[in-house]
């Protein structure tokens, strides 16, 4: 990497992508080892979705809901 400063938007996007990778990797490992069932994984994401359904919808909440839906789909059999 060079000495240039990373733009704030790129930094946020990179942090979200890294978090996505860690979450999917962790949940996939727990599922593969039989420590979490597919139903339990669905419950985790359902709880997250319910959190973002409360209150006024804005672009951030909509993006969070979409991300949770994508994560949940990526962990289904």
PDB file of N, CA and C in Angstrom:
ATOM      1  N   UNK A   1       0.853  -1.183   0.000  1.00  0.00           N
ATOM      2  CA  UNK A   1       0.000   0.000   0.000  1.00  0.00           C
ATOM      3  C   UNK A   1       0.894   1.239   0.000  1.00  0.00           C
ATOM      4  N   UNK A   2       0.437   2.282  -0.640  1.00  0.00           N
ATOM      5  CA  UNK A   2       1.215   3.518  -0.689  1.00  0.00           C
ATOM      6  C   UNK A   2       0.849   4.428   0.478  1.00  0.00           C
ATOM      7  N   UNK A   3       1.407   5.622   0.465  1.00  0.00           N
ATOM      8  CA  UNK A   3       1.223   6.564   1.571  1.00  0.00           C
ATOM      9  C   UNK A   3      -0.069   7.356   1.496  1.00  0.00           C
ATOM     10  N   UNK A   4      -0.880   7.147   0.462  1.00  0.00           N
ATOM     11  CA  UNK A   4      -2.115   7.907   0.324  1.00  0.00           C
ATOM     12  C   UNK A   4      -3.117   7.501   1.401  1.00  0.00           C
ATOM     13  N   UNK A   5      -3.911   8.460   1.813  1.00  0.00           N
ATOM     14  CA  UNK A   5      -4.961   8.198   2.791  1.00  0.00           C
ATOM     15  C   UNK A   5      -6.117   7.475   2.106  1.00  0.00           C
ATOM     16  N   UNK A   6      -6.653   6.498   2.796  1.00  0.00           N
ATOM     17  CA  UNK A   6      -7.805   5.764   2.265  1.00  0.00           C
ATOM     18  C   UNK A   6      -9.043   6.629   2.474  1.00  0.00           C
ATOM     19  N   UNK A   7      -9.836   6.827   1.434  1.00  0.00           N
ATOM     20  CA  UNK A   7     -11.063   7.626   1.584  1.00  0.00           C
ATOM     21  C   UNK A   7     -11.988   6.991   2.636  1.00  0.00           C
ATOM     22  N   UNK A   8     -12.738   7.832   3.343  1.00  0.00           N
ATOM     23  CA  UNK A   8     -13.622   7.364   4.416  1.00  0.00           C
ATOM     24  C   UNK A   8     -14.631   6.337   3.923  1.00  0.00           C
ATOM     25  N   UNK A   9     -15.201   6.560   2.726  1.00  0.00           N
ATOM     26  CA  UNK A   9     -16.174   5.604   2.181  1.00  0.00           C
ATOM     27  C   UNK A   9     -15.532   4.243   1.933  1.00  0.00           C
ATOM     28  N   UNK A  10     -14.317   4.253   1.401  1.00  0.00           N
ATOM     29  CA  UNK A  10     -13.609   2.996   1.142  1.00  0.00           C
ATOM     30  C   UNK A  10     -13.248   2.305   2.450  1.00  0.00           C
ATOM     31  N   UNK A  11     -12.885   3.079   3.444  1.00  0.00           N
ATOM     32  CA  UNK A  11     -12.563   2.504   4.751  1.00  0.00           C
ATOM     33  C   UNK A  11     -13.792   1.824   5.355  1.00  0.00           C
ATOM     34  N   UNK A  12     -14.936   2.494   5.310  1.00  0.00           N
ATOM     35  CA  UNK A  12     -16.183   1.908   5.835  1.00  0.00           C
ATOM     36  C   UNK A  12     -16.567   0.652   5.057  1.00  0.00           C
ATOM     37  N   UNK A  13     -16.473   0.714   3.751  1.00  0.00           N
ATOM     38  CA  UNK A  13     -16.821  -0.442   2.925  1.00  0.00           C
ATOM     39  C   UNK A  13     -15.882  -1.614   3.221  1.00  0.00           C
ATOM     40  N   UNK A  14     -14.621  -1.324   3.392  1.00  0.00           N
ATOM     41  CA  UNK A  14     -13.658  -2.368   3.720  1.00  0.00           C
ATOM     42  C   UNK A  14     -13.917  -2.990   5.076  1.00  0.00           C
ATOM     43  N   UNK A  15     -14.272  -2.167   6.044  1.00  0.00           N
ATOM     44  CA  UNK A  15     -14.590  -2.681   7.379  1.00  0.00           C
ATOM     45  C   UNK A  15     -15.824  -3.578   7.316  1.00  0.00           C
ATOM     46  N   UNK A  16     -16.840  -3.172   6.577  1.00  0.00           N
ATOM     47  CA  UNK A  16     -18.048  -3.989   6.442  1.00  0.00           C
ATOM     48  C   UNK A  16     -17.762  -5.297   5.720  1.00  0.00           C
ATOM     49  N   UNK A  17     -16.940  -5.247   4.685  1.00  0.00           N
ATOM     50  CA  UNK A  17     -16.595  -6.471   3.950  1.00  0.00           C
ATOM     51  C   UNK A  17     -15.814  -7.435   4.847  1.00  0.00           C
ATOM     52  N   UNK A  18     -14.902  -6.899   5.639  1.00  0.00           N
ATOM     53  CA  UNK A  18     -14.129  -7.747   6.554  1.00  0.00           C
ATOM     54  C   UNK A  18     -15.034  -8.357   7.620  1.00  0.00           C
ATOM     55  N   UNK A  19     -15.930  -7.572   8.159  1.00  0.00           N
ATOM     56  CA  UNK A  19     -16.872  -8.071   9.159  1.00  0.00           C
ATOM     57  C   UNK A  19     -17.770  -9.142   8.553  1.00  0.00           C
ATOM     58  N   UNK A  20     -18.238  -8.931   7.353  1.00  0.00           N
ATOM     59  CA  UNK A  20     -19.048  -9.910   6.636  1.00  0.00           C
ATOM     60  C   UNK A  20     -18.291 -11.233   6.534  1.00  0.00           C
ATOM     61  N   UNK A  21     -17.034 -11.175   6.116  1.00  0.00           N
ATOM     62  CA  UNK A  21     -16.226 -12.385   5.951  1.00  0.00           C
ATOM     63  C   UNK A  21     -16.043 -13.120   7.271  1.00  0.00           C
ATOM     64  N   UNK A  22     -15.801 -12.390   8.345  1.00  0.00           N
ATOM     65  CA  UNK A  22     -15.606 -13.015   9.653  1.00  0.00           C
ATOM     66  C   UNK A  22     -16.904 -13.656  10.149  1.00  0.00           C
ATOM     67  N   UNK A  23     -18.014 -12.965   9.981  1.00  0.00           N
ATOM     68  CA  UNK A  23     -19.301 -13.503  10.443  1.00  0.00           C
ATOM     69  C   UNK A  23     -19.668 -14.757   9.660  1.00  0.00           C
ATOM     70  N   UNK A  24     -19.582 -14.699   8.343  1.00  0.00           N
ATOM     71  CA  UNK A  24     -19.922 -15.862   7.526  1.00  0.00           C
ATOM     72  C   UNK A  24     -18.975 -17.017   7.850  1.00  0.00           C
ATOM     73  N   UNK A  25     -17.696 -16.729   7.976  1.00  0.00           N
ATOM     74  CA  UNK A  25     -16.735 -17.779   8.313  1.00  0.00           C
ATOM     75  C   UNK A  25     -17.004 -18.413   9.663  1.00  0.00           C
ATOM     76  N   UNK A  26     -17.305 -17.592  10.655  1.00  0.00           N
ATOM     77  CA  UNK A  26     -17.588 -18.099  12.000  1.00  0.00           C
ATOM     78  C   UNK A  26     -18.851 -18.947  12.022  1.00  0.00           C
ATOM     79  N   UNK A  27     -19.927 -18.425  11.462  1.00  0.00           N
ATOM     80  CA  UNK A  27     -21.184 -19.167  11.469  1.00  0.00           C
ATOM     81  C   UNK A  27     -21.087 -20.432  10.622  1.00  0.00           C
ATOM     82  N   UNK A  28     -20.382 -20.376   9.506  1.00  0.00           N
ATOM     83  CA  UNK A  28     -20.196 -21.569   8.679  1.00  0.00           C
ATOM     84  C   UNK A  28     -19.426 -22.644   9.432  1.00  0.00           C
ATOM     85  N   UNK A  29     -18.398 -22.239  10.146  1.00  0.00           N
ATOM     86  CA  UNK A  29     -17.609 -23.187  10.929  1.00  0.00           C
ATOM     87  C   UNK A  29     -18.453 -23.808  12.033  1.00  0.00           C
ATOM     88  N   UNK A  30     -19.218 -22.989  12.743  1.00  0.00           N
ATOM     89  CA  UNK A  30     -20.076 -23.512  13.810  1.00  0.00           C
ATOM     90  C   UNK A  30     -21.129 -24.467  13.252  1.00  0.00           C
ATOM     91  N   UNK A  31     -21.656 -24.131  12.089  1.00  0.00           N
ATOM     92  CA  UNK A  31     -22.655 -24.996  11.452  1.00  0.00           C
ATOM     93  C   UNK A  31     -22.013 -26.320  11.012  1.00  0.00           C
ATOM     94  N   UNK A  32     -20.853 -26.236  10.387  1.00  0.00           N
ATOM     95  CA  UNK A  32     -20.153 -27.425   9.907  1.00  0.00           C
ATOM     96  C   UNK A  32     -19.781 -28.366  11.051  1.00  0.00           C
ATOM     97  N   UNK A  33     -19.434 -27.796  12.203  1.00  0.00           N
ATOM     98  CA  UNK A  33     -19.064 -28.606  13.369  1.00  0.00           C
ATOM     99  C   UNK A  33     -20.279 -29.095  14.149  1.00  0.00           C
ATOM    100  N   UNK A  34     -21.464 -28.719  13.692  1.00  0.00           N
ATOM    101  CA  UNK A  34     -22.687 -29.166  14.349  1.00  0.00           C
ATOM    102  C   UNK A  34     -23.022 -28.408  15.618  1.00  0.00           C
ATOM    103  N   UNK A  35     -22.406 -27.253  15.810  1.00  0.00           N
ATOM    104  CA  UNK A  35     -22.659 -26.450  17.005  1.00  0.00           C
ATOM    105  C   UNK A  35     -23.822 -25.489  16.825  1.00  0.00           C
ATOM    106  N   UNK A  36     -24.194 -25.238  15.592  1.00  0.00           N
ATOM    107  CA  UNK A  36     -25.371 -24.416  15.271  1.00  0.00           C
ATOM    108  C   UNK A  36     -26.157 -25.133  14.181  1.00  0.00           C
ATOM    109  N   UNK A  37     -27.457 -25.224  14.369  1.00  0.00           N
ATOM    110  CA  UNK A  37     -28.311 -25.814  13.337  1.00  0.00           C
ATOM    111  C   UNK A  37     -28.711 -24.723  12.341  1.00  0.00           C
ATOM    112  N   UNK A  38     -29.140 -25.118  11.160  1.00  0.00           N
ATOM    113  CA  UNK A  38     -29.638 -24.112  10.207  1.00  0.00           C
ATOM    114  C   UNK A  38     -30.773 -23.268  10.795  1.00  0.00           C
ATOM    115  N   UNK A  39     -31.637 -23.886  11.601  1.00  0.00           N
ATOM    116  CA  UNK A  39     -32.724 -23.119  12.237  1.00  0.00           C
ATOM    117  C   UNK A  39     -32.182 -22.073  13.198  1.00  0.00           C
ATOM    118  N   UNK A  40     -31.146 -22.426  13.940  1.00  0.00           N
ATOM    119  CA  UNK A  40     -30.553 -21.460  14.884  1.00  0.00           C
ATOM    120  C   UNK A  40     -29.901 -20.300  14.139  1.00  0.00           C
ATOM    121  N   UNK A  41     -29.275 -20.590  13.026  1.00  0.00           N
ATOM    122  CA  UNK A  41     -28.685 -19.520  12.213  1.00  0.00           C
ATOM    123  C   UNK A  41     -29.786 -18.604  11.684  1.00  0.00           C
ATOM    124  N   UNK A  42     -30.887 -19.203  11.211  1.00  0.00           N
ATOM    125  CA  UNK A  42     -32.021 -18.391  10.757  1.00  0.00           C
ATOM    126  C   UNK A  42     -32.541 -17.497  11.879  1.00  0.00           C
ATOM    127  N   UNK A  43     -32.602 -18.027  13.103  1.00  0.00           N
ATOM    128  CA  UNK A  43     -33.075 -17.238  14.253  1.00  0.00           C
ATOM    129  C   UNK A  43     -32.157 -16.057  14.531  1.00  0.00           C
ATOM    130  N   UNK A  44     -30.856 -16.256  14.388  1.00  0.00           N
ATOM    131  CA  UNK A  44     -29.895 -15.166  14.595  1.00  0.00           C
ATOM    132  C   UNK A  44     -30.182 -14.029  13.616  1.00  0.00           C
ATOM    133  N   UNK A  45     -30.343 -14.370  12.340  1.00  0.00           N
ATOM    134  CA  UNK A  45     -30.580 -13.335  11.338  1.00  0.00           C
ATOM    135  C   UNK A  45     -31.966 -12.726  11.457  1.00  0.00           C
ATOM    136  N   UNK A  46     -32.943 -13.532  11.838  1.00  0.00           N
ATOM    137  CA  UNK A  46     -34.296 -12.995  12.044  1.00  0.00           C
ATOM    138  C   UNK A  46     -34.286 -11.945  13.149  1.00  0.00           C
ATOM    139  N   UNK A  47     -33.553 -12.219  14.219  1.00  0.00           N
ATOM    140  CA  UNK A  47     -33.446 -11.246  15.317  1.00  0.00           C
ATOM    141  C   UNK A  47     -32.798  -9.953  14.822  1.00  0.00           C
ATOM    142  N   UNK A  48     -31.787 -10.077  13.990  1.00  0.00           N
ATOM    143  CA  UNK A  48     -31.152  -8.893  13.430  1.00  0.00           C
ATOM    144  C   UNK A  48     -32.089  -8.109  12.534  1.00  0.00           C
ATOM    145  N   UNK A  49     -32.845  -8.804  11.704  1.00  0.00           N
ATOM    146  CA  UNK A  49     -33.789  -8.128  10.816  1.00  0.00           C
ATOM    147  C   UNK A  49     -34.873  -7.398  11.587  1.00  0.00           C
ATOM    148  N   UNK A  50     -35.377  -8.018  12.648  1.00  0.00           N
ATOM    149  CA  UNK A  50     -36.414  -7.386  13.463  1.00  0.00           C
ATOM    150  C   UNK A  50     -35.896  -6.080  14.053  1.00  0.00           C
ATOM    151  N   UNK A  51     -34.639  -6.078  14.461  1.00  0.00           N
ATOM    152  CA  UNK A  51     -34.033  -4.872  15.032  1.00  0.00           C
ATOM    153  C   UNK A  51     -34.088  -3.712  14.046  1.00  0.00           C
ATOM    154  N   UNK A  52     -33.802  -3.991  12.777  1.00  0.00           N
ATOM    155  CA  UNK A  52     -33.775  -2.921  11.784  1.00  0.00           C
ATOM    156  C   UNK A  52     -35.143  -2.599  11.214  1.00  0.00           C
ATOM    157  N   UNK A  53     -36.161  -3.366  11.537  1.00  0.00           N
ATOM    158  CA  UNK A  53     -37.518  -3.056  11.080  1.00  0.00           C
ATOM    159  C   UNK A  53     -38.195  -2.035  11.988  1.00  0.00           C
ATOM    160  N   UNK A  54     -37.654  -1.843  13.175  1.00  0.00           N
ATOM    161  CA  UNK A  54     -38.237  -0.874  14.114  1.00  0.00           C
ATOM    162  C   UNK A  54     -37.879   0.546  13.699  1.00  0.00           C
ATOM    163  N   UNK A  55     -38.771   1.458  13.960  1.00  0.00           N
ATOM    164  CA  UNK A  55     -38.488   2.872  13.718  1.00  0.00           C
ATOM    165  C   UNK A  55     -38.594   3.247  12.250  1.00  0.00           C
ATOM    166  N   UNK A  56     -38.218   4.477  11.984  1.00  0.00           N
ATOM    167  CA  UNK A  56     -38.285   5.009  10.625  1.00  0.00           C
ATOM    168  C   UNK A  56     -37.235   4.336   9.747  1.00  0.00           C
ATOM    169  N   UNK A  57     -37.663   4.016   8.531  1.00  0.00           N
ATOM    170  CA  UNK A  57     -36.739   3.406   7.579  1.00  0.00           C
ATOM    171  C   UNK A  57     -35.936   4.497   6.883  1.00  0.00           C
ATOM    172  N   UNK A  58     -34.639   4.329   6.849  1.00  0.00           N
ATOM    173  CA  UNK A  58     -33.777   5.218   6.088  1.00  0.00           C
ATOM    174  C   UNK A  58     -32.826   4.345   5.274  1.00  0.00           C
ATOM    175  N   UNK A  59     -31.964   4.954   4.514  1.00  0.00           N
ATOM    176  CA  UNK A  59     -31.071   4.207   3.633  1.00  0.00           C
ATOM    177  C   UNK A  59     -30.145   3.276   4.415  1.00  0.00           C
ATOM    178  N   UNK A  60     -29.695   3.706   5.589  1.00  0.00           N
ATOM    179  CA  UNK A  60     -28.807   2.880   6.393  1.00  0.00           C
ATOM    180  C   UNK A  60     -29.521   1.631   6.884  1.00  0.00           C
ATOM    181  N   UNK A  61     -30.733   1.786   7.375  1.00  0.00           N
ATOM    182  CA  UNK A  61     -31.512   0.628   7.847  1.00  0.00           C
ATOM    183  C   UNK A  61     -31.838  -0.310   6.693  1.00  0.00           C
ATOM    184  N   UNK A  62     -32.181   0.239   5.555  1.00  0.00           N
ATOM    185  CA  UNK A  62     -32.486  -0.593   4.395  1.00  0.00           C
ATOM    186  C   UNK A  62     -31.253  -1.369   3.942  1.00  0.00           C
ATOM    187  N   UNK A  63     -30.095  -0.711   3.954  1.00  0.00           N
ATOM    188  CA  UNK A  63     -28.850  -1.387   3.575  1.00  0.00           C
ATOM    189  C   UNK A  63     -28.507  -2.486   4.584  1.00  0.00           C
ATOM    190  N   UNK A  64     -28.749  -2.228   5.865  1.00  0.00           N
ATOM    191  CA  UNK A  64     -28.484  -3.237   6.897  1.00  0.00           C
ATOM    192  C   UNK A  64     -29.393  -4.447   6.715  1.00  0.00           C
ATOM    193  N   UNK A  65     -30.667  -4.202   6.431  1.00  0.00           N
ATOM    194  CA  UNK A  65     -31.603  -5.304   6.203  1.00  0.00           C
ATOM    195  C   UNK A  65     -31.175  -6.131   4.994  1.00  0.00           C
ATOM    196  N   UNK A  66     -30.809  -5.474   3.922  1.00  0.00           N
ATOM    197  CA  UNK A  66     -30.374  -6.174   2.722  1.00  0.00           C
ATOM    198  C   UNK A  66     -29.126  -7.003   3.007  1.00  0.00           C
ATOM    199  N   UNK A  67     -28.181  -6.437   3.731  1.00  0.00           N
ATOM    200  CA  UNK A  67     -26.962  -7.159   4.072  1.00  0.00           C
ATOM    201  C   UNK A  67     -27.267  -8.392   4.910  1.00  0.00           C
ATOM    202  N   UNK A  68     -28.158  -8.254   5.893  1.00  0.00           N
ATOM    203  CA  UNK A  68     -28.537  -9.403   6.710  1.00  0.00           C
ATOM    204  C   UNK A  68     -29.201 -10.490   5.864  1.00  0.00           C
ATOM    205  N   UNK A  69     -30.044 -10.088   4.935  1.00  0.00           N
ATOM    206  CA  UNK A  69     -30.699 -11.065   4.064  1.00  0.00           C
ATOM    207  C   UNK A  69     -29.673 -11.792   3.194  1.00  0.00           C
ATOM    208  N   UNK A  70     -28.703 -11.075   2.685  1.00  0.00           N
ATOM    209  CA  UNK A  70     -27.644 -11.669   1.854  1.00  0.00           C
ATOM    210  C   UNK A  70     -26.806 -12.626   2.685  1.00  0.00           C
ATOM    211  N   UNK A  71     -26.431 -12.219   3.887  1.00  0.00           N
ATOM    212  CA  UNK A  71     -25.657 -13.090   4.783  1.00  0.00           C
ATOM    213  C   UNK A  71     -26.417 -14.366   5.091  1.00  0.00           C
ATOM    214  N   UNK A  72     -27.697 -14.227   5.416  1.00  0.00           N
ATOM    215  CA  UNK A  72     -28.518 -15.386   5.757  1.00  0.00           C
ATOM    216  C   UNK A  72     -28.596 -16.352   4.575  1.00  0.00           C
ATOM    217  N   UNK A  73     -28.799 -15.814   3.366  1.00  0.00           N
ATOM    218  CA  UNK A  73     -28.868 -16.676   2.180  1.00  0.00           C
ATOM    219  C   UNK A  73     -27.554 -17.393   1.934  1.00  0.00           C
ATOM    220  N   UNK A  74     -26.435 -16.731   2.203  1.00  0.00           N
ATOM    221  CA  UNK A  74     -25.134 -17.342   1.944  1.00  0.00           C
ATOM    222  C   UNK A  74     -24.836 -18.500   2.884  1.00  0.00           C
ATOM    223  N   UNK A  75     -25.566 -18.597   3.996  1.00  0.00           N
ATOM    224  CA  UNK A  75     -25.344 -19.665   4.968  1.00  0.00           C
ATOM    225  C   UNK A  75     -26.356 -20.800   4.863  1.00  0.00           C
ATOM    226  N   UNK A  76     -27.328 -20.656   3.996  1.00  0.00           N
ATOM    227  CA  UNK A  76     -28.319 -21.731   3.839  1.00  0.00           C
ATOM    228  C   UNK A  76     -27.732 -22.854   3.014  1.00  0.00           C
ATOM    229  N   UNK A  77     -28.221 -24.054   3.259  1.00  0.00           N
ATOM    230  CA  UNK A  77     -27.754 -25.234   2.495  1.00  0.00           C
ATOM    231  C   UNK A  77     -28.153 -25.148   1.050  1.00  0.00           C
TER     232      UNK A  77
END
